[in-house]
Every structure is written in C-alpha cells, then in structure tokens.
C-alpha cells in the first residue's frame, strides 16, 4: 500500500534475487493521490522457477522517495515433464513401427512449455542392443511425441523399457514396448 500524503505519487515495485533488487516495474495504479492508503499491485513475468525474490514498494513525489519494507516471495518450481504412456506397445522384428509417446504428465492442459522433440528416444532391454528411434517429432499443440522405431530382425523378443531424453533429464517407462 502507498499513502501519497497529499502529493501526486508515482508508484512502482523494485524486485530481484537480493536486497539490491535490480529491476523495477510500474505498479497499478501508477499514480496515487490524496491522504488515504491505496493498494498497489503489479504482475511480473519472466521470473525463474523455484527462486526466492525480494521486493518492495516505491513511491516518488515532489517530497522525495519512500520505500516499503523488504519482503520476499518464492516462485513455484518448474513442472517437470514425464513419460506417461506408449501406444501401440508392440512391434514385430524386422519391421518399422510408428508409436506415440505421451509426455508432459505434470501439465493438465496443452500446450507444453517446450515444443521441440526430445533429444533421443530409445528402447532398452537387459542383454539386448539398444534400439533408437529413427525419427522423432513433437506436436506443438498437444505435446504428444511420435517416433518411428526400426525393429531389427534379430531383436530380442520381450518387453523393452522406453527412455526419453530431453535436455539433462531422462524419463523411463518400464515394460512400455514389447518386441514380438
């Protein structure tokens, strides 16, 4: 809140990761007048997830500059993507199989925050060679990943684990793909 104390007072917020702040945003309302306390607010975008920020109100008028007390807030941690399903879940040896993978388990509605495909999608099975997706694309509206696996003729029969690598993270879905 700001009390203009009879002046026309410009309002803003200073904010940043330390008490040095470093950023300023104009508040709404941007100017207050009169002698009563007025609530001010601001919507700030571009903040880093899972980070504590310091902020304070600022009022400037012909009588000088006044600051509110330092306060803090912490942004919520970034929702992580996850591999939630594979369909269809089987393929024959010696064939090319197109399948879809559902990512973004932490998001209830599309679009996902990242629309580029994962860096790699593989099928792994203990004692068997890794099968890598030959083409990977991601629908920028739904977030669903489509991948083509070329199942080698000599692939080991049985359940494979699907691994989707996206940046520094890898998600696995055990028994997500069966080679017949």
N, C-alpha and C. Protein backbone atom coordinates (compact mmCIF):
# COMPACT_ATOMS: atom_id res chain seq x y z
N UNK A 1 0.84 -1.19 0.00
CA UNK A 1 0.00 0.00 0.00
C UNK A 1 0.88 1.25 0.00
N UNK A 2 0.31 2.32 -0.52
CA UNK A 2 1.01 3.61 -0.56
C UNK A 2 0.05 4.69 -0.05
N UNK A 3 0.55 5.59 0.79
CA UNK A 3 -0.21 6.77 1.20
C UNK A 3 0.52 7.97 0.61
N UNK A 4 -0.13 8.68 -0.31
CA UNK A 4 0.51 9.80 -1.01
C UNK A 4 0.70 11.01 -0.13
N UNK A 5 0.07 11.05 1.04
CA UNK A 5 0.20 12.17 1.97
C UNK A 5 -0.04 13.53 1.31
N UNK A 6 -1.06 13.58 0.46
CA UNK A 6 -1.43 14.85 -0.17
C UNK A 6 -0.67 15.17 -1.44
N UNK A 7 0.25 14.36 -1.83
CA UNK A 7 1.02 14.58 -3.06
C UNK A 7 0.49 13.69 -4.19
N UNK A 8 0.92 13.97 -5.39
CA UNK A 8 0.72 13.06 -6.52
C UNK A 8 1.97 12.17 -6.54
N UNK A 9 1.77 10.87 -6.28
CA UNK A 9 2.90 9.97 -6.06
C UNK A 9 2.94 8.88 -7.12
N UNK A 10 4.08 8.77 -7.81
CA UNK A 10 4.30 7.69 -8.78
C UNK A 10 4.64 6.42 -8.01
N UNK A 11 4.02 5.30 -8.40
CA UNK A 11 4.23 4.05 -7.67
C UNK A 11 4.90 2.99 -8.54
N UNK A 12 5.70 2.17 -7.89
CA UNK A 12 6.37 1.07 -8.58
C UNK A 12 6.80 0.04 -7.56
N UNK A 13 7.30 -1.07 -8.05
CA UNK A 13 7.91 -2.10 -7.22
C UNK A 13 9.33 -2.33 -7.69
N UNK A 14 10.24 -2.48 -6.74
CA UNK A 14 11.59 -2.93 -7.05
C UNK A 14 11.65 -4.39 -6.66
N UNK A 15 12.33 -5.22 -7.47
CA UNK A 15 12.41 -6.64 -7.15
C UNK A 15 13.69 -7.23 -7.73
N UNK A 16 14.09 -8.35 -7.18
CA UNK A 16 15.27 -9.05 -7.66
C UNK A 16 15.65 -10.17 -6.69
N UNK A 17 16.67 -10.93 -7.01
CA UNK A 17 17.04 -12.08 -6.17
C UNK A 17 17.74 -11.70 -4.86
N UNK A 18 18.12 -10.43 -4.71
CA UNK A 18 18.77 -9.96 -3.48
C UNK A 18 18.14 -8.64 -3.07
N UNK A 19 18.55 -8.12 -1.94
CA UNK A 19 18.04 -6.82 -1.50
C UNK A 19 18.64 -5.66 -2.30
N UNK A 20 19.47 -5.96 -3.28
CA UNK A 20 19.91 -4.94 -4.24
C UNK A 20 18.86 -4.76 -5.33
N UNK A 21 17.86 -5.66 -5.38
CA UNK A 21 16.73 -5.64 -6.29
C UNK A 21 17.19 -5.73 -7.74
N UNK A 22 17.41 -4.63 -8.42
CA UNK A 22 17.93 -4.67 -9.79
C UNK A 22 16.88 -4.47 -10.86
N UNK A 23 15.60 -4.70 -10.56
CA UNK A 23 14.54 -4.50 -11.55
C UNK A 23 13.43 -3.66 -10.92
N UNK A 24 12.76 -2.88 -11.78
CA UNK A 24 11.64 -2.04 -11.33
C UNK A 24 10.49 -2.21 -12.31
N UNK A 25 9.27 -2.32 -11.78
CA UNK A 25 8.06 -2.36 -12.60
C UNK A 25 7.07 -1.35 -12.06
N UNK A 26 6.44 -0.62 -12.97
CA UNK A 26 5.42 0.35 -12.59
C UNK A 26 4.23 -0.39 -12.00
N UNK A 27 3.71 0.12 -10.90
CA UNK A 27 2.57 -0.50 -10.23
C UNK A 27 1.26 -0.02 -10.84
N UNK A 28 0.19 -0.67 -10.45
CA UNK A 28 -1.14 -0.22 -10.83
C UNK A 28 -1.91 0.03 -9.54
N UNK A 29 -2.45 1.21 -9.35
CA UNK A 29 -2.34 2.36 -10.24
C UNK A 29 -0.93 2.93 -10.23
N UNK A 30 -0.56 3.56 -11.34
CA UNK A 30 0.80 4.08 -11.47
C UNK A 30 1.00 5.38 -10.71
N UNK A 31 -0.11 6.07 -10.40
CA UNK A 31 -0.04 7.30 -9.61
C UNK A 31 -1.18 7.29 -8.59
N UNK A 32 -0.86 7.65 -7.36
CA UNK A 32 -1.90 7.78 -6.33
C UNK A 32 -1.86 9.20 -5.78
N UNK A 33 -3.01 9.65 -5.32
CA UNK A 33 -3.12 10.99 -4.73
C UNK A 33 -3.95 10.89 -3.46
N UNK A 34 -4.04 12.00 -2.74
CA UNK A 34 -4.87 12.04 -1.55
C UNK A 34 -4.11 11.71 -0.29
N UNK A 35 -4.86 11.43 0.77
CA UNK A 35 -4.25 11.19 2.07
C UNK A 35 -4.65 9.85 2.67
N UNK A 36 -5.16 8.96 1.85
CA UNK A 36 -5.53 7.64 2.35
C UNK A 36 -4.62 6.57 1.75
N UNK A 37 -4.59 5.45 2.40
CA UNK A 37 -3.77 4.33 1.92
C UNK A 37 -4.43 3.69 0.71
N UNK A 38 -3.62 3.47 -0.34
CA UNK A 38 -4.12 2.86 -1.58
C UNK A 38 -3.33 1.59 -1.86
N UNK A 39 -4.04 0.53 -2.17
CA UNK A 39 -3.37 -0.72 -2.54
C UNK A 39 -2.82 -0.61 -3.95
N UNK A 40 -1.60 -1.11 -4.14
CA UNK A 40 -0.99 -1.14 -5.46
C UNK A 40 -0.59 -2.59 -5.76
N UNK A 41 -0.47 -2.90 -7.04
CA UNK A 41 -0.11 -4.27 -7.45
C UNK A 41 0.64 -4.22 -8.77
N UNK A 42 1.29 -5.33 -9.09
CA UNK A 42 1.95 -5.47 -10.38
C UNK A 42 2.02 -6.95 -10.73
N UNK A 43 1.90 -7.27 -12.00
CA UNK A 43 2.11 -8.64 -12.48
C UNK A 43 3.47 -8.66 -13.16
N UNK A 44 4.31 -9.58 -12.74
CA UNK A 44 5.68 -9.65 -13.27
C UNK A 44 5.84 -10.98 -14.00
N UNK A 45 6.40 -10.94 -15.20
CA UNK A 45 6.65 -12.17 -15.95
C UNK A 45 8.16 -12.35 -16.12
N UNK A 46 8.55 -13.52 -16.59
CA UNK A 46 9.95 -13.78 -16.87
C UNK A 46 10.78 -14.14 -15.65
N UNK A 47 10.12 -14.52 -14.57
CA UNK A 47 10.85 -14.91 -13.36
C UNK A 47 11.33 -16.35 -13.47
N UNK A 48 12.38 -16.68 -12.74
CA UNK A 48 12.94 -18.02 -12.75
C UNK A 48 12.18 -18.90 -11.77
N UNK A 49 11.82 -20.10 -12.21
CA UNK A 49 11.08 -21.03 -11.36
C UNK A 49 11.92 -21.45 -10.17
N UNK A 50 11.23 -21.66 -9.03
CA UNK A 50 11.90 -22.15 -7.83
C UNK A 50 12.91 -21.18 -7.24
N UNK A 51 12.68 -19.88 -7.39
CA UNK A 51 13.63 -18.86 -6.95
C UNK A 51 12.96 -17.90 -5.95
N UNK A 52 13.69 -17.52 -4.92
CA UNK A 52 13.19 -16.53 -3.97
C UNK A 52 13.58 -15.14 -4.45
N UNK A 53 12.61 -14.25 -4.48
CA UNK A 53 12.82 -12.86 -4.90
C UNK A 53 12.50 -11.93 -3.73
N UNK A 54 13.25 -10.83 -3.67
CA UNK A 54 12.98 -9.73 -2.74
C UNK A 54 12.21 -8.67 -3.50
N UNK A 55 11.33 -7.96 -2.80
CA UNK A 55 10.61 -6.86 -3.44
C UNK A 55 10.23 -5.82 -2.39
N UNK A 56 9.99 -4.62 -2.87
CA UNK A 56 9.49 -3.55 -2.01
C UNK A 56 8.73 -2.54 -2.87
N UNK A 57 7.75 -1.88 -2.24
CA UNK A 57 7.00 -0.82 -2.90
C UNK A 57 7.85 0.45 -2.90
N UNK A 58 7.63 1.28 -3.90
CA UNK A 58 8.38 2.54 -4.01
C UNK A 58 7.39 3.64 -4.41
N UNK A 59 7.48 4.76 -3.72
CA UNK A 59 6.67 5.93 -4.05
C UNK A 59 7.57 7.14 -4.25
N UNK A 60 7.35 7.86 -5.36
CA UNK A 60 8.17 9.04 -5.67
C UNK A 60 7.24 10.23 -5.91
N UNK A 61 7.52 11.33 -5.20
CA UNK A 61 6.77 12.57 -5.42
C UNK A 61 7.69 13.76 -5.17
N UNK A 62 7.15 14.95 -5.21
CA UNK A 62 7.99 16.15 -5.05
C UNK A 62 8.62 16.24 -3.66
N UNK A 63 8.09 15.49 -2.71
CA UNK A 63 8.66 15.48 -1.37
C UNK A 63 9.80 14.48 -1.21
N UNK A 64 10.04 13.64 -2.24
CA UNK A 64 11.13 12.68 -2.17
C UNK A 64 10.69 11.26 -2.55
N UNK A 65 11.51 10.31 -2.16
CA UNK A 65 11.27 8.90 -2.47
C UNK A 65 11.10 8.13 -1.17
N UNK A 66 10.08 7.28 -1.12
CA UNK A 66 9.84 6.43 0.05
C UNK A 66 9.78 4.98 -0.40
N UNK A 67 10.27 4.09 0.48
CA UNK A 67 10.28 2.66 0.18
C UNK A 67 9.51 1.90 1.24
N UNK A 68 8.84 0.83 0.81
CA UNK A 68 8.22 -0.09 1.75
C UNK A 68 9.29 -1.03 2.30
N UNK A 69 8.90 -1.87 3.23
CA UNK A 69 9.85 -2.82 3.81
C UNK A 69 10.16 -3.92 2.80
N UNK A 70 11.34 -4.49 2.94
CA UNK A 70 11.74 -5.62 2.09
C UNK A 70 10.85 -6.81 2.42
N UNK A 71 10.34 -7.44 1.39
CA UNK A 71 9.55 -8.65 1.53
C UNK A 71 10.05 -9.67 0.51
N UNK A 72 9.64 -10.92 0.68
CA UNK A 72 10.08 -11.96 -0.27
C UNK A 72 8.91 -12.80 -0.73
N UNK A 73 9.10 -13.42 -1.88
CA UNK A 73 8.19 -14.45 -2.38
C UNK A 73 9.06 -15.46 -3.12
N UNK A 74 8.57 -16.68 -3.24
CA UNK A 74 9.30 -17.72 -3.96
C UNK A 74 8.41 -18.23 -5.07
N UNK A 75 8.94 -18.25 -6.29
CA UNK A 75 8.19 -18.78 -7.43
C UNK A 75 8.10 -20.29 -7.29
N UNK A 76 7.06 -20.85 -7.85
CA UNK A 76 6.89 -22.30 -7.76
C UNK A 76 7.93 -22.99 -8.63
N UNK A 77 8.27 -24.20 -8.23
CA UNK A 77 9.24 -24.98 -9.00
C UNK A 77 8.64 -25.30 -10.36
N UNK A 78 9.49 -25.41 -11.34
CA UNK A 78 9.03 -25.73 -12.69
C UNK A 78 8.42 -27.12 -12.70
N UNK A 79 7.29 -27.23 -13.35
CA UNK A 79 6.70 -28.56 -13.50
C UNK A 79 7.58 -29.38 -14.44
N UNK A 80 7.83 -30.60 -14.07
CA UNK A 80 8.69 -31.42 -14.90
C UNK A 80 7.87 -32.28 -15.84
N UNK A 81 8.45 -32.54 -16.97
CA UNK A 81 7.79 -33.42 -17.91
C UNK A 81 8.04 -34.85 -17.49
N UNK A 82 7.22 -35.73 -17.95
CA UNK A 82 7.41 -37.14 -17.66
C UNK A 82 6.84 -37.99 -18.77
N UNK A 83 7.33 -39.17 -18.89
CA UNK A 83 6.85 -40.11 -19.90
C UNK A 83 5.72 -40.90 -19.25
N UNK A 84 4.51 -40.80 -19.80
CA UNK A 84 3.36 -41.42 -19.13
C UNK A 84 2.77 -42.60 -19.88
N UNK A 85 2.90 -42.66 -21.21
CA UNK A 85 2.33 -43.80 -21.92
C UNK A 85 2.97 -43.98 -23.28
N UNK A 86 2.80 -45.18 -23.81
CA UNK A 86 3.29 -45.53 -25.14
C UNK A 86 2.15 -46.26 -25.84
N UNK A 87 1.88 -45.93 -27.11
CA UNK A 87 0.85 -46.64 -27.86
C UNK A 87 1.19 -46.62 -29.34
N UNK A 88 1.11 -47.71 -30.12
CA UNK A 88 0.89 -49.06 -29.61
C UNK A 88 2.10 -49.56 -28.85
N UNK A 89 1.94 -50.63 -28.11
CA UNK A 89 3.03 -51.05 -27.25
C UNK A 89 3.73 -52.33 -27.72
N UNK A 90 3.67 -52.61 -29.02
CA UNK A 90 4.39 -53.78 -29.50
C UNK A 90 4.83 -53.59 -30.94
N UNK A 91 5.80 -54.37 -31.36
CA UNK A 91 6.29 -54.32 -32.73
C UNK A 91 6.93 -55.64 -33.09
N UNK A 92 6.89 -55.97 -34.37
CA UNK A 92 7.46 -57.23 -34.83
C UNK A 92 8.90 -57.03 -35.26
N UNK A 93 9.70 -58.06 -35.08
CA UNK A 93 11.10 -57.99 -35.50
C UNK A 93 11.17 -57.88 -37.02
N UNK A 94 12.10 -57.02 -37.46
CA UNK A 94 12.30 -56.83 -38.89
C UNK A 94 11.31 -55.85 -39.51
N UNK A 95 10.63 -55.03 -38.69
CA UNK A 95 9.65 -54.08 -39.22
C UNK A 95 9.93 -52.68 -38.69
N UNK A 96 9.28 -51.72 -39.34
CA UNK A 96 9.31 -50.34 -38.87
C UNK A 96 8.01 -50.08 -38.13
N UNK A 97 8.08 -49.61 -36.91
CA UNK A 97 6.88 -49.40 -36.08
C UNK A 97 6.79 -47.93 -35.71
N UNK A 98 5.64 -47.32 -35.98
CA UNK A 98 5.40 -45.94 -35.56
C UNK A 98 4.61 -46.00 -34.26
N UNK A 99 5.04 -45.28 -33.27
CA UNK A 99 4.35 -45.27 -31.99
C UNK A 99 4.25 -43.84 -31.48
N UNK A 100 3.37 -43.63 -30.54
CA UNK A 100 3.26 -42.31 -29.90
C UNK A 100 3.60 -42.44 -28.43
N UNK A 101 4.23 -41.42 -27.92
CA UNK A 101 4.60 -41.36 -26.51
C UNK A 101 3.94 -40.14 -25.92
N UNK A 102 3.33 -40.28 -24.78
CA UNK A 102 2.71 -39.14 -24.12
C UNK A 102 3.65 -38.64 -23.05
N UNK A 103 4.07 -37.38 -23.19
CA UNK A 103 4.92 -36.73 -22.21
C UNK A 103 4.06 -35.72 -21.45
N UNK A 104 4.69 -34.87 -20.70
CA UNK A 104 4.02 -33.74 -20.03
C UNK A 104 3.05 -34.17 -18.95
N UNK A 105 3.38 -35.17 -18.18
CA UNK A 105 2.46 -35.64 -17.15
C UNK A 105 2.14 -34.57 -16.12
N UNK A 106 3.01 -33.59 -15.95
CA UNK A 106 2.79 -32.56 -14.94
C UNK A 106 1.86 -31.46 -15.44
N UNK A 107 1.48 -31.50 -16.70
CA UNK A 107 0.66 -30.44 -17.27
C UNK A 107 -0.74 -30.97 -17.53
N UNK A 108 -1.75 -30.31 -17.02
CA UNK A 108 -3.11 -30.79 -17.19
C UNK A 108 -3.69 -30.37 -18.53
N UNK A 109 -3.17 -29.29 -19.13
CA UNK A 109 -3.67 -28.86 -20.42
C UNK A 109 -2.50 -28.50 -21.32
N UNK A 110 -2.60 -28.78 -22.63
CA UNK A 110 -1.56 -28.35 -23.55
C UNK A 110 -1.71 -26.85 -23.79
N UNK A 111 -0.80 -26.15 -24.45
CA UNK A 111 0.43 -26.75 -24.97
C UNK A 111 1.49 -26.88 -23.88
N UNK A 112 2.42 -27.79 -24.09
CA UNK A 112 3.51 -27.94 -23.14
C UNK A 112 4.44 -26.74 -23.24
N UNK A 113 5.27 -26.52 -22.23
CA UNK A 113 6.16 -25.36 -22.26
C UNK A 113 7.26 -25.48 -23.29
N UNK A 114 7.58 -26.67 -23.70
CA UNK A 114 8.63 -26.89 -24.68
C UNK A 114 8.05 -27.67 -25.83
N UNK A 115 8.19 -27.17 -27.04
CA UNK A 115 7.55 -27.82 -28.17
C UNK A 115 8.52 -28.57 -29.07
N UNK A 116 9.79 -28.58 -28.76
CA UNK A 116 10.74 -29.32 -29.57
C UNK A 116 10.78 -30.77 -29.12
N UNK A 117 11.13 -31.69 -30.03
CA UNK A 117 11.16 -33.11 -29.65
C UNK A 117 12.26 -33.41 -28.64
N UNK A 118 12.12 -34.54 -27.93
CA UNK A 118 13.21 -34.98 -27.06
C UNK A 118 14.47 -35.21 -27.88
N UNK A 119 15.63 -35.15 -27.24
CA UNK A 119 16.88 -35.33 -27.97
C UNK A 119 17.08 -36.77 -28.40
N UNK A 120 16.50 -37.74 -27.67
CA UNK A 120 16.56 -39.12 -28.12
C UNK A 120 15.49 -39.95 -27.42
N UNK A 121 15.03 -40.98 -28.11
CA UNK A 121 14.13 -41.95 -27.53
C UNK A 121 14.67 -43.32 -27.89
N UNK A 122 14.86 -44.15 -26.87
CA UNK A 122 15.44 -45.48 -27.10
C UNK A 122 14.60 -46.55 -26.42
N UNK A 123 14.78 -47.78 -26.90
CA UNK A 123 14.22 -48.96 -26.26
C UNK A 123 15.40 -49.74 -25.71
N UNK A 124 15.34 -50.11 -24.44
CA UNK A 124 16.44 -50.89 -23.86
C UNK A 124 15.88 -52.14 -23.21
N UNK A 125 16.67 -53.19 -23.24
CA UNK A 125 16.34 -54.45 -22.59
C UNK A 125 17.64 -55.06 -22.12
N UNK A 126 17.66 -55.55 -20.91
CA UNK A 126 18.86 -56.15 -20.36
C UNK A 126 19.38 -57.24 -21.30
N UNK A 127 20.65 -57.16 -21.66
CA UNK A 127 21.28 -58.16 -22.51
C UNK A 127 20.98 -58.01 -23.98
N UNK A 128 20.26 -56.96 -24.39
CA UNK A 128 19.91 -56.76 -25.80
C UNK A 128 20.46 -55.42 -26.27
N UNK A 129 20.77 -55.29 -27.56
CA UNK A 129 21.23 -54.00 -28.08
C UNK A 129 20.13 -52.94 -27.94
N UNK A 130 20.51 -51.70 -27.75
CA UNK A 130 19.56 -50.60 -27.66
C UNK A 130 18.99 -50.31 -29.03
N UNK A 131 17.68 -50.06 -29.09
CA UNK A 131 17.02 -49.70 -30.34
C UNK A 131 16.68 -48.21 -30.23
N UNK A 132 17.19 -47.42 -31.16
CA UNK A 132 16.99 -45.97 -31.13
C UNK A 132 15.92 -45.57 -32.13
N UNK A 133 15.06 -44.63 -31.75
CA UNK A 133 14.05 -44.12 -32.67
C UNK A 133 14.72 -43.47 -33.85
N UNK A 134 14.24 -43.81 -35.06
CA UNK A 134 14.88 -43.28 -36.27
C UNK A 134 14.36 -41.90 -36.64
N UNK A 135 13.14 -41.55 -36.21
CA UNK A 135 12.64 -40.19 -36.41
C UNK A 135 11.75 -39.85 -35.23
N UNK A 136 11.87 -38.61 -34.78
CA UNK A 136 11.13 -38.16 -33.61
C UNK A 136 10.55 -36.79 -33.92
N UNK A 137 9.25 -36.63 -33.67
CA UNK A 137 8.64 -35.31 -33.82
C UNK A 137 7.70 -35.08 -32.65
N UNK A 138 7.42 -33.81 -32.38
CA UNK A 138 6.56 -33.48 -31.24
C UNK A 138 5.52 -32.49 -31.70
N UNK A 139 4.26 -32.81 -31.44
CA UNK A 139 3.16 -31.92 -31.80
C UNK A 139 3.18 -30.72 -30.87
N UNK A 140 3.30 -29.51 -31.43
CA UNK A 140 3.43 -28.31 -30.61
C UNK A 140 2.12 -27.92 -29.93
N UNK A 141 1.01 -28.52 -30.34
CA UNK A 141 -0.27 -28.22 -29.70
C UNK A 141 -0.57 -29.18 -28.56
N UNK A 142 -0.35 -30.46 -28.79
CA UNK A 142 -0.70 -31.47 -27.79
C UNK A 142 0.48 -31.94 -26.96
N UNK A 143 1.69 -31.78 -27.49
CA UNK A 143 2.88 -32.25 -26.78
C UNK A 143 3.16 -33.72 -27.00
N UNK A 144 2.29 -34.42 -27.75
CA UNK A 144 2.49 -35.85 -27.98
C UNK A 144 3.65 -36.06 -28.95
N UNK A 145 4.51 -36.99 -28.60
CA UNK A 145 5.69 -37.30 -29.41
C UNK A 145 5.39 -38.51 -30.28
N UNK A 146 5.71 -38.41 -31.57
CA UNK A 146 5.58 -39.55 -32.48
C UNK A 146 6.99 -39.99 -32.83
N UNK A 147 7.23 -41.28 -32.74
CA UNK A 147 8.57 -41.81 -33.01
C UNK A 147 8.46 -43.06 -33.87
N UNK A 148 9.38 -43.22 -34.79
CA UNK A 148 9.46 -44.42 -35.61
C UNK A 148 10.63 -45.24 -35.12
N UNK A 149 10.36 -46.50 -34.75
CA UNK A 149 11.40 -47.44 -34.38
C UNK A 149 11.54 -48.44 -35.51
N UNK A 150 12.76 -48.71 -35.91
CA UNK A 150 13.02 -49.78 -36.87
C UNK A 150 13.51 -50.95 -36.04
N UNK A 151 12.66 -51.95 -35.88
CA UNK A 151 12.98 -53.09 -35.03
C UNK A 151 13.86 -54.05 -35.84
N UNK A 152 15.10 -54.25 -35.43
CA UNK A 152 15.99 -55.14 -36.18
C UNK A 152 15.45 -56.57 -36.20
N UNK A 153 15.74 -57.28 -37.31
CA UNK A 153 15.26 -58.66 -37.45
C UNK A 153 15.72 -59.53 -36.28
N UNK A 154 16.90 -59.28 -35.75
CA UNK A 154 17.42 -60.10 -34.66
C UNK A 154 17.12 -59.57 -33.27
N UNK A 155 16.18 -58.60 -33.15
CA UNK A 155 15.89 -58.02 -31.84
C UNK A 155 15.40 -59.08 -30.87
N UNK A 156 15.81 -58.95 -29.62
CA UNK A 156 15.39 -59.88 -28.57
C UNK A 156 13.90 -59.73 -28.33
N UNK A 157 13.19 -60.84 -28.30
CA UNK A 157 11.76 -60.83 -28.03
C UNK A 157 11.53 -60.46 -26.56
N UNK A 158 10.50 -59.67 -26.28
CA UNK A 158 10.14 -59.36 -24.91
C UNK A 158 9.90 -57.89 -24.68
N UNK A 159 9.70 -57.53 -23.40
CA UNK A 159 9.37 -56.16 -23.01
C UNK A 159 10.62 -55.30 -22.93
N UNK A 160 10.54 -54.12 -23.52
CA UNK A 160 11.62 -53.15 -23.51
C UNK A 160 11.19 -51.95 -22.67
N UNK A 161 12.17 -51.26 -22.11
CA UNK A 161 11.93 -50.02 -21.40
C UNK A 161 12.12 -48.87 -22.38
N UNK A 162 11.16 -47.94 -22.39
CA UNK A 162 11.27 -46.76 -23.24
C UNK A 162 11.96 -45.68 -22.43
N UNK A 163 12.98 -45.06 -23.01
CA UNK A 163 13.71 -43.97 -22.37
C UNK A 163 13.61 -42.74 -23.26
N UNK A 164 13.07 -41.65 -22.73
CA UNK A 164 13.00 -40.40 -23.48
C UNK A 164 13.95 -39.41 -22.82
N UNK A 165 14.94 -38.94 -23.56
CA UNK A 165 15.90 -37.98 -23.03
C UNK A 165 15.54 -36.60 -23.56
N UNK A 166 15.40 -35.66 -22.64
CA UNK A 166 15.08 -34.30 -23.02
C UNK A 166 15.99 -33.38 -22.23
N UNK A 167 16.97 -32.78 -22.92
CA UNK A 167 17.95 -31.95 -22.22
C UNK A 167 18.71 -32.79 -21.22
N UNK A 168 18.79 -32.36 -19.97
CA UNK A 168 19.57 -33.10 -18.98
C UNK A 168 18.78 -34.24 -18.32
N UNK A 169 17.50 -34.39 -18.66
CA UNK A 169 16.65 -35.37 -17.97
C UNK A 169 16.30 -36.55 -18.85
N UNK A 170 16.22 -37.73 -18.24
CA UNK A 170 15.76 -38.93 -18.94
C UNK A 170 14.60 -39.52 -18.16
N UNK A 171 13.52 -39.84 -18.85
CA UNK A 171 12.37 -40.49 -18.24
C UNK A 171 12.23 -41.87 -18.83
N UNK A 172 11.89 -42.84 -17.99
CA UNK A 172 11.74 -44.22 -18.44
C UNK A 172 10.35 -44.73 -18.15
N UNK A 173 9.85 -45.56 -19.04
CA UNK A 173 8.58 -46.25 -18.84
C UNK A 173 8.88 -47.73 -18.97
N UNK A 174 8.93 -48.42 -17.86
CA UNK A 174 9.30 -49.85 -17.84
C UNK A 174 8.21 -50.68 -18.50
N UNK A 175 8.65 -51.66 -19.26
CA UNK A 175 7.75 -52.56 -19.97
C UNK A 175 6.78 -51.80 -20.87
N UNK A 176 7.26 -50.70 -21.43
CA UNK A 176 6.40 -49.86 -22.27
C UNK A 176 6.31 -50.31 -23.71
N UNK A 177 7.14 -51.24 -24.14
CA UNK A 177 7.17 -51.61 -25.54
C UNK A 177 7.59 -53.08 -25.64
N UNK A 178 6.81 -53.88 -26.31
CA UNK A 178 7.12 -55.30 -26.44
C UNK A 178 7.48 -55.62 -27.87
N UNK A 179 8.61 -56.29 -28.05
CA UNK A 179 9.04 -56.76 -29.36
C UNK A 179 8.62 -58.22 -29.49
N UNK A 180 7.83 -58.54 -30.53
CA UNK A 180 7.34 -59.91 -30.76
C UNK A 180 8.25 -60.66 -31.70
